[in-house]
Protein backbone atom coordinates (compact mmCIF):
# COMPACT_ATOMS: atom_id res chain seq x y z
CA UNK A 1 0.00 0.00 0.00
CA UNK A 2 2.87 2.37 0.82
CA UNK A 3 4.38 1.74 -2.62
CA UNK A 4 1.16 2.81 -4.35
CA UNK A 5 1.06 6.02 -2.33
CA UNK A 6 4.66 6.75 -3.27
CA UNK A 7 3.97 6.22 -6.97
CA UNK A 8 0.83 8.34 -6.78
CA UNK A 9 2.77 11.17 -5.10
CA UNK A 10 5.50 10.95 -7.75
CA UNK A 11 2.90 11.24 -10.52
CA UNK A 12 1.39 14.24 -8.73
CA UNK A 13 4.80 15.93 -8.54
CA UNK A 14 5.47 15.11 -12.20
CA UNK A 15 2.08 16.48 -13.27
CA UNK A 16 2.65 19.65 -11.25
CA UNK A 17 6.06 20.13 -12.84
CA UNK A 18 4.59 19.60 -16.31
CA UNK A 19 1.85 22.17 -15.66
CA UNK A 20 4.36 24.74 -14.38
CA UNK A 21 6.58 24.08 -17.40
CA UNK A 22 3.63 24.56 -19.77
CA UNK A 23 2.68 27.85 -18.08
CA UNK A 24 6.27 29.10 -18.29
CA UNK A 25 6.43 28.18 -21.98
CA UNK A 26 3.15 29.99 -22.65
CA UNK A 27 4.41 33.11 -20.87
CA UNK A 28 7.67 32.98 -22.82
CA UNK A 29 5.81 32.64 -26.13
CA UNK A 30 3.53 35.55 -25.25
CA UNK A 31 6.53 37.72 -24.39
CA UNK A 32 8.28 36.79 -27.64
CA UNK A 33 5.08 37.53 -29.58
CA UNK A 34 4.84 40.98 -27.96
CA UNK A 35 8.48 41.74 -28.77
CA UNK A 36 7.95 40.54 -32.34
CA UNK A 37 4.89 42.74 -32.87
CA UNK A 38 6.68 45.75 -31.40
CA UNK A 39 9.69 45.20 -33.65
CA UNK A 40 7.46 44.76 -36.67
CA UNK A 41 5.71 48.06 -35.93
CA UNK A 42 9.06 49.86 -35.61
CA UNK A 43 10.28 48.39 -38.91
CA UNK A 44 7.10 49.46 -40.69
CA UNK A 45 7.45 52.95 -39.21
CA UNK A 46 11.08 53.21 -40.37
CA UNK A 47 10.08 51.96 -43.82
CA UNK A 48 7.31 54.53 -44.14
CA UNK A 49 9.62 57.34 -43.02
CA UNK A 50 12.25 56.24 -45.54
CA UNK A 51 9.72 56.13 -48.37
CA UNK A 52 8.40 59.56 -47.39
CA UNK A 53 11.91 61.02 -47.36
CA UNK A 54 12.68 59.55 -50.79
CA UNK A 55 9.42 60.74 -52.34
CA UNK A 56 9.18 64.06 -50.50
């Protein structure tokens, strides 16, 4: 009976670790997405300014 409890506790710890890892990965992806969108907006702004300076 003690062996079953030990295995159950180990699965609980493993599941908790997997959930925390998934949350951390989701937060990292969201941060990278935000940085990517910000960089894309800056690049588009620089492009538009360059085109305006060439044409104007």
